[in-house]
Amino acid sequence: MNLVEFIGSIAAFFTTIAFVPQVIQTWKSKHARDLSLGMFSMFTIGVLLWLVYGLLIESWPIVIANIITAGLAGTILYFKLRFG
């Protein structure tokens, strides 16, 4: 792994795990009224497009990070729809 891929992998790690506390908090509280449905909808679409982009250019750090991020953001989006 070269330096550029290493930096990209570290960046992907941190921006991906940043959603874990929100998922845990929303799951525990069963409260999502303060979360923006528009923001999480647009963000999830953007992450899915980044995933497609990563697949097209065969960049596995982008692919893996966006698979995980899509799952986390999708979970938050689900909680928003379920818990309001």
Protein backbone atom coordinates (compact mmCIF):
# COMPACT_ATOMS: atom_id res chain seq x y z
CA MET A 1 0.00 0.00 0.00
CA ASN A 2 1.45 3.35 -1.00
CA LEU A 3 1.26 6.54 1.07
CA VAL A 4 -1.73 7.93 -0.86
CA GLU A 5 -3.77 4.74 -0.32
CA PHE A 6 -2.71 4.64 3.33
CA ILE A 7 -3.92 8.22 3.92
CA GLY A 8 -7.16 7.46 2.07
CA SER A 9 -7.68 4.34 4.16
CA ILE A 10 -7.15 6.20 7.43
CA ALA A 11 -9.50 8.99 6.32
CA ALA A 12 -12.11 6.42 5.29
CA PHE A 13 -11.79 4.68 8.66
CA PHE A 14 -12.43 7.83 10.67
CA THR A 15 -15.24 9.21 8.52
CA THR A 16 -16.93 5.80 8.57
CA ILE A 17 -16.74 5.13 12.30
CA ALA A 18 -17.96 8.66 13.00
CA PHE A 19 -21.51 7.35 12.47
CA VAL A 20 -21.27 4.57 15.07
CA PRO A 21 -22.00 6.80 18.10
CA GLN A 22 -25.09 8.24 16.38
CA VAL A 23 -26.40 4.77 15.52
CA ILE A 24 -25.89 3.61 19.11
CA GLN A 25 -27.44 6.76 20.61
CA THR A 26 -30.49 6.64 18.35
CA TRP A 27 -30.99 2.92 18.95
CA LYS A 28 -30.78 3.31 22.73
CA SER A 29 -32.97 6.41 22.95
CA LYS A 30 -35.49 5.39 20.28
CA HIS A 31 -35.52 9.11 19.52
CA ALA A 32 -34.65 10.65 16.14
CA ARG A 33 -36.75 13.81 15.98
CA ASP A 34 -33.68 16.07 15.97
CA LEU A 35 -32.09 14.30 13.00
CA SER A 36 -32.70 15.78 9.57
CA LEU A 37 -34.50 13.40 7.21
CA GLY A 38 -33.38 15.48 4.22
CA MET A 39 -29.74 15.45 5.27
CA PHE A 40 -29.59 11.71 5.94
CA SER A 41 -31.51 10.92 2.73
CA MET A 42 -29.12 13.00 0.61
CA PHE A 43 -26.09 11.71 2.51
CA THR A 44 -27.11 8.07 1.98
CA ILE A 45 -27.62 8.65 -1.75
CA GLY A 46 -24.21 10.36 -1.91
CA VAL A 47 -22.54 7.45 -0.13
CA LEU A 48 -24.13 4.98 -2.53
CA LEU A 49 -22.82 7.03 -5.45
CA TRP A 50 -19.33 7.06 -3.86
CA LEU A 51 -19.63 3.28 -3.62
CA VAL A 52 -20.43 3.03 -7.34
CA TYR A 53 -17.53 5.38 -8.10
CA GLY A 54 -15.17 3.27 -6.00
CA LEU A 55 -16.27 0.14 -7.84
CA LEU A 56 -15.81 1.81 -11.23
CA ILE A 57 -12.25 2.93 -10.45
CA GLU A 58 -11.53 -0.25 -8.45
CA SER A 59 -10.50 1.62 -5.31
CA TRP A 60 -11.05 -0.83 -2.47
CA PRO A 61 -10.59 1.71 0.35
CA ILE A 62 -13.44 3.74 -1.18
CA VAL A 63 -15.57 0.64 -1.77
CA ILE A 64 -15.14 -0.85 1.70
CA ALA A 65 -15.58 2.46 3.53
CA ASN A 66 -18.73 3.29 1.60
CA ILE A 67 -20.28 -0.14 2.07
CA ILE A 68 -19.89 0.28 5.83
CA THR A 69 -20.93 3.95 5.78
CA ALA A 70 -24.01 3.15 3.68
CA GLY A 71 -25.01 0.54 6.24
CA LEU A 72 -24.57 2.94 9.15
CA ALA A 73 -26.24 5.89 7.41
CA GLY A 74 -29.02 3.61 6.21
CA THR A 75 -29.54 2.44 9.79
CA ILE A 76 -29.83 6.03 10.99
CA LEU A 77 -32.22 6.79 8.13
CA TYR A 78 -34.33 3.77 9.12
CA PHE A 79 -34.37 4.94 12.76
CA LYS A 80 -35.41 8.40 11.62
CA LEU A 81 -38.33 6.96 9.67
CA ARG A 82 -39.28 4.57 12.48
CA PHE A 83 -38.79 6.76 15.54
CA GLY A 84 -39.48 10.10 13.87
